[in-house]
C-alpha atoms as a PDB file:
ATOM      1  CA  MET A   1      -9.600 -12.861 -12.656  1.00  0.00           C
ATOM      2  CA  ARG A   2      -7.901 -13.176 -16.013  1.00  0.00           C
ATOM      3  CA  LYS A   3     -10.845 -11.346 -17.595  1.00  0.00           C
ATOM      4  CA  LEU A   4     -10.612  -8.369 -15.234  1.00  0.00           C
ATOM      5  CA  VAL A   5      -8.189  -5.805 -16.614  1.00  0.00           C
ATOM      6  CA  GLY A   6      -6.910  -2.891 -14.588  1.00  0.00           C
ATOM      7  CA  SER A   7      -5.998  -2.145 -11.020  1.00  0.00           C
ATOM      8  CA  TYR A   8      -8.182  -3.271  -8.144  1.00  0.00           C
ATOM      9  CA  SER A   9      -8.405  -4.672  -4.673  1.00  0.00           C
ATOM     10  CA  LEU A  10     -11.770  -6.222  -3.944  1.00  0.00           C
ATOM     11  CA  VAL A  11     -13.356  -7.321  -0.676  1.00  0.00           C
ATOM     12  CA  PHE A  12     -16.666  -9.194  -0.537  1.00  0.00           C
ATOM     13  CA  LEU A  13     -18.683 -10.146   2.506  1.00  0.00           C
ATOM     14  CA  ARG A  14     -21.239 -12.906   2.165  1.00  0.00           C
ATOM     15  CA  GLY A  15     -22.750 -14.215   5.359  1.00  0.00           C
ATOM     16  CA  ASP A  16     -19.828 -15.137   7.610  1.00  0.00           C
ATOM     17  CA  THR A  17     -17.264 -15.295   4.801  1.00  0.00           C
ATOM     18  CA  ILE A  18     -14.882 -12.565   3.616  1.00  0.00           C
ATOM     19  CA  LEU A  19     -13.326 -12.853   0.165  1.00  0.00           C
ATOM     20  CA  ALA A  20     -10.407 -10.553  -0.661  1.00  0.00           C
ATOM     21  CA  VAL A  21      -8.532 -10.390  -3.952  1.00  0.00           C
ATOM     22  CA  ARG A  22      -5.727  -8.216  -5.303  1.00  0.00           C
ATOM     23  CA  ASP A  23      -5.149  -7.549  -8.989  1.00  0.00           C
ATOM     24  CA  PRO A  24      -2.518  -9.764 -10.684  1.00  0.00           C
ATOM     25  CA  LEU A  25       0.023  -6.937 -10.993  1.00  0.00           C
ATOM     26  CA  GLY A  26      -0.391  -5.822  -7.380  1.00  0.00           C
ATOM     27  CA  ILE A  27      -1.137  -2.255  -8.422  1.00  0.00           C
ATOM     28  CA  LYS A  28      -3.603  -1.582  -5.611  1.00  0.00           C
ATOM     29  CA  PRO A  29      -2.642  -2.487  -2.043  1.00  0.00           C
ATOM     30  CA  LEU A  30      -4.496  -4.857   0.263  1.00  0.00           C
ATOM     31  CA  CYS A  31      -3.296  -6.268   3.566  1.00  0.00           C
ATOM     32  CA  ILE A  32      -4.382  -8.777   6.189  1.00  0.00           C
ATOM     33  CA  GLY A  33      -4.370  -8.108   9.897  1.00  0.00           C
ATOM     34  CA  GLU A  34      -5.381  -9.702  13.155  1.00  0.00           C
ATOM     35  CA  ILE A  35      -7.490  -7.886  15.755  1.00  0.00           C
ATOM     36  CA  ASP A  36      -9.110  -9.071  18.992  1.00  0.00           C
ATOM     37  CA  SER A  37     -12.292 -10.077  17.199  1.00  0.00           C
ATOM     38  CA  GLY A  38     -10.599 -11.960  14.348  1.00  0.00           C
ATOM     39  CA  ILE A  39      -8.915 -11.467  10.997  1.00  0.00           C
ATOM     40  CA  MET A  40      -9.470  -8.367   8.856  1.00  0.00           C
ATOM     41  CA  VAL A  41      -8.419  -6.952   5.495  1.00  0.00           C
ATOM     42  CA  ALA A  42      -7.726  -3.315   4.696  1.00  0.00           C
ATOM     43  CA  SER A  43      -6.222  -1.172   1.973  1.00  0.00           C
ATOM     44  CA  GLU A  44      -3.596   0.178   4.405  1.00  0.00           C
ATOM     45  CA  SER A  45      -1.880  -1.234   7.464  1.00  0.00           C
ATOM     46  CA  VAL A  46      -2.759   1.885   9.487  1.00  0.00           C
ATOM     47  CA  ALA A  47      -6.393   0.730   9.555  1.00  0.00           C
ATOM     48  CA  ILE A  48      -5.186  -2.340  11.428  1.00  0.00           C
ATOM     49  CA  ASP A  49      -3.008  -0.175  13.702  1.00  0.00           C
ATOM     50  CA  THR A  50      -5.994   2.024  14.524  1.00  0.00           C
ATOM     51  CA  LEU A  51      -7.818  -1.036  15.849  1.00  0.00           C
ATOM     52  CA  ASN A  52      -4.757  -2.083  17.909  1.00  0.00           C
ATOM     53  CA  GLY A  53      -4.237  -5.011  15.592  1.00  0.00           C
ATOM     54  CA  ARG A  54      -1.227  -6.785  14.157  1.00  0.00           C
ATOM     55  CA  LEU A  55      -0.284  -6.740  10.488  1.00  0.00           C
ATOM     56  CA  ILE A  56      -0.025 -10.315   9.212  1.00  0.00           C
ATOM     57  CA  ARG A  57       0.985  -9.671   5.609  1.00  0.00           C
ATOM     58  CA  ASP A  58      -0.022  -8.162   2.287  1.00  0.00           C
ATOM     59  CA  VAL A  59      -2.341  -9.993  -0.050  1.00  0.00           C
ATOM     60  CA  LYS A  60      -0.088 -11.116  -2.877  1.00  0.00           C
ATOM     61  CA  PRO A  61      -0.739  -9.918  -6.429  1.00  0.00           C
ATOM     62  CA  GLY A  62      -3.292 -12.287  -8.010  1.00  0.00           C
ATOM     63  CA  GLU A  63      -4.157 -13.920  -4.691  1.00  0.00           C
ATOM     64  CA  LEU A  64      -7.614 -14.748  -3.340  1.00  0.00           C
ATOM     65  CA  VAL A  65      -7.922 -14.832   0.459  1.00  0.00           C
ATOM     66  CA  VAL A  66     -10.940 -16.461   2.107  1.00  0.00           C
ATOM     67  CA  ILE A  67     -11.636 -15.753   5.783  1.00  0.00           C
ATOM     68  CA  ARG A  68     -14.307 -17.733   7.602  1.00  0.00           C
ATOM     69  CA  HIS A  69     -14.811 -18.473  11.303  1.00  0.00           C
ATOM     70  CA  GLY A  70     -11.401 -17.008  12.174  1.00  0.00           C
ATOM     71  CA  GLU A  71      -9.618 -19.262   9.682  1.00  0.00           C
ATOM     72  CA  MET A  72      -7.781 -17.930   6.641  1.00  0.00           C
ATOM     73  CA  LYS A  73      -7.108 -19.802   3.423  1.00  0.00           C
ATOM     74  CA  SER A  74      -5.575 -18.452   0.254  1.00  0.00           C
ATOM     75  CA  ASP A  75      -5.254 -19.447  -3.365  1.00  0.00           C
ATOM     76  CA  GLN A  76      -2.890 -17.942  -5.919  1.00  0.00           C
ATOM     77  CA  LEU A  77      -5.258 -17.463  -8.872  1.00  0.00           C
ATOM     78  CA  VAL A  78      -2.842 -15.685 -11.195  1.00  0.00           C
ATOM     79  CA  ARG A  79       0.948 -15.428 -11.066  1.00  0.00           C
ATOM     80  CA  LEU A  80       2.696 -12.866 -13.249  1.00  0.00           C
ATOM     81  CA  PRO A  81       6.508 -12.577 -13.481  1.00  0.00           C
ATOM     82  CA  HIS A  82       6.764  -8.929 -12.414  1.00  0.00           C
ATOM     83  CA  PRO A  83       4.515  -6.859 -10.150  1.00  0.00           C
ATOM     84  CA  ALA A  84       3.669  -3.286 -11.166  1.00  0.00           C
ATOM     85  CA  HIS A  85       2.940  -1.388  -7.974  1.00  0.00           C
ATOM     86  CA  CYS A  86       1.335   2.040  -8.281  1.00  0.00           C
ATOM     87  CA  ILE A  87       3.921   4.764  -7.622  1.00  0.00           C
ATOM     88  CA  PHE A  88       1.131   7.126  -6.581  1.00  0.00           C
ATOM     89  CA  GLU A  89       0.372   4.870  -3.606  1.00  0.00           C
ATOM     90  CA  TYR A  90       3.954   5.332  -2.424  1.00  0.00           C
ATOM     91  CA  ILE A  91       4.207   9.072  -3.165  1.00  0.00           C
ATOM     92  CA  TYR A  92       0.739  10.554  -2.641  1.00  0.00           C
ATOM     93  CA  LEU A  93      -2.013   8.224  -1.493  1.00  0.00           C
ATOM     94  CA  ALA A  94      -0.745   6.072   1.374  1.00  0.00           C
ATOM     95  CA  ARG A  95      -0.171   7.534   4.825  1.00  0.00           C
ATOM     96  CA  PRO A  96       3.514   7.862   5.754  1.00  0.00           C
ATOM     97  CA  ASP A  97       3.101   5.491   8.716  1.00  0.00           C
ATOM     98  CA  SER A  98       1.575   2.759   6.580  1.00  0.00           C
ATOM     99  CA  ILE A  99       3.441  -0.398   5.557  1.00  0.00           C
ATOM    100  CA  LEU A 100       2.990  -1.434   1.934  1.00  0.00           C
ATOM    101  CA  ASP A 101       4.534  -4.623   0.572  1.00  0.00           C
ATOM    102  CA  GLY A 102       6.776  -4.849   3.626  1.00  0.00           C
ATOM    103  CA  ARG A 103       8.119  -1.286   3.398  1.00  0.00           C
ATOM    104  CA  LEU A 104       7.311   1.732   5.561  1.00  0.00           C
ATOM    105  CA  ILE A 105       5.913   4.428   3.251  1.00  0.00           C
ATOM    106  CA  TYR A 106       7.914   7.184   4.993  1.00  0.00           C
ATOM    107  CA  ASP A 107      11.188   5.326   4.300  1.00  0.00           C
ATOM    108  CA  VAL A 108      10.210   4.755   0.670  1.00  0.00           C
ATOM    109  CA  ARG A 109       9.551   8.491   0.244  1.00  0.00           C
ATOM    110  CA  VAL A 110      12.906   9.395   1.817  1.00  0.00           C
ATOM    111  CA  ASN A 111      14.669   6.954  -0.533  1.00  0.00           C
ATOM    112  CA  ILE A 112      12.833   8.327  -3.573  1.00  0.00           C
ATOM    113  CA  GLY A 113      13.848  11.866  -2.579  1.00  0.00           C
ATOM    114  CA  SER A 114      17.469  10.823  -2.026  1.00  0.00           C
ATOM    115  CA  ASN A 115      17.642   9.090  -5.399  1.00  0.00           C
ATOM    116  CA  LEU A 116      16.043  12.081  -7.105  1.00  0.00           C
ATOM    117  CA  ALA A 117      18.625  14.412  -5.541  1.00  0.00           C
ATOM    118  CA  LEU A 118      21.492  12.155  -6.674  1.00  0.00           C
ATOM    119  CA  GLU A 119      20.181  11.683 -10.211  1.00  0.00           C
ATOM    120  CA  HIS A 120      19.069  15.299 -10.777  1.00  0.00           C
ATOM    121  CA  PRO A 121      20.996  17.698  -8.554  1.00  0.00           C
ATOM    122  CA  ALA A 122      19.414  21.144  -8.234  1.00  0.00           C
ATOM    123  CA  ASN A 123      20.725  24.481  -7.017  1.00  0.00           C
ATOM    124  CA  VAL A 124      18.253  24.981  -4.177  1.00  0.00           C
ATOM    125  CA  ASP A 125      18.444  26.152  -0.588  1.00  0.00           C
ATOM    126  CA  MET A 126      16.147  23.470   0.806  1.00  0.00           C
ATOM    127  CA  VAL A 127      13.463  20.930   0.026  1.00  0.00           C
ATOM    128  CA  THR A 128      10.638  20.927   2.562  1.00  0.00           C
ATOM    129  CA  PRO A 129       7.895  18.335   2.796  1.00  0.00           C
ATOM    130  CA  PHE A 130       4.610  19.418   4.284  1.00  0.00           C
ATOM    131  CA  LEU A 131       1.304  17.708   4.776  1.00  0.00           C
ATOM    132  CA  ILE A 132      -1.657  18.360   2.503  1.00  0.00           C
ATOM    133  CA  LEU A 133      -4.826  16.751   3.749  1.00  0.00           C
ATOM    134  CA  GLU A 134      -4.004  13.701   5.820  1.00  0.00           C
ATOM    135  CA  SER A 135      -2.212  11.481   3.385  1.00  0.00           C
ATOM    136  CA  GLN A 136      -0.629  13.589   0.681  1.00  0.00           C
ATOM    137  CA  TRP A 137       2.846  15.120   0.680  1.00  0.00           C
ATOM    138  CA  LEU A 138       4.007  18.001  -1.448  1.00  0.00           C
ATOM    139  CA  LEU A 139       7.627  18.943  -1.898  1.00  0.00           C
ATOM    140  CA  VAL A 140       8.231  22.673  -1.931  1.00  0.00           C
ATOM    141  CA  ILE A 141      11.527  23.710  -3.372  1.00  0.00           C
ATOM    142  CA  ALA A 142      12.922  27.031  -2.209  1.00  0.00           C
ATOM    143  CA  CYS A 143      15.104  28.107  -5.117  1.00  0.00           C
ATOM    144  CA  ASN A 144      18.372  29.956  -4.725  1.00  0.00           C
ATOM    145  CA  PRO A 145      17.991  33.309  -6.532  1.00  0.00           C
ATOM    146  CA  ASP A 146      21.561  33.124  -7.925  1.00  0.00           C
END
């Protein structure tokens, strides 16, 4: 894992064993859930929700998770002092109803918008979010003509 550079979440299936690993900085998301037929991994918690499952937790940055015969074991392969999550996952890529690193994406987006408004006030009438495709939000700013 120390030789792999970049952002990745990898899932391997070999026989009856699932191996899941998240890059050491935690740039790409990966979570673990429980469904009727066992334990699963997915890039977003909504995949678990769709199958009426229960989110267990996120795979930690640099962690290897091994799932076999309904049992889960994990090993922290690499531990870096500071994660570096991808802001695009929070703003554009993840669905608003997904939970990433313990936070609801919708709430994260509201907080980002609130902080942006406080740090960079603008003379606008309104800011309107609307859906583009299924998982991408675009902010449209209706400017005051004054």
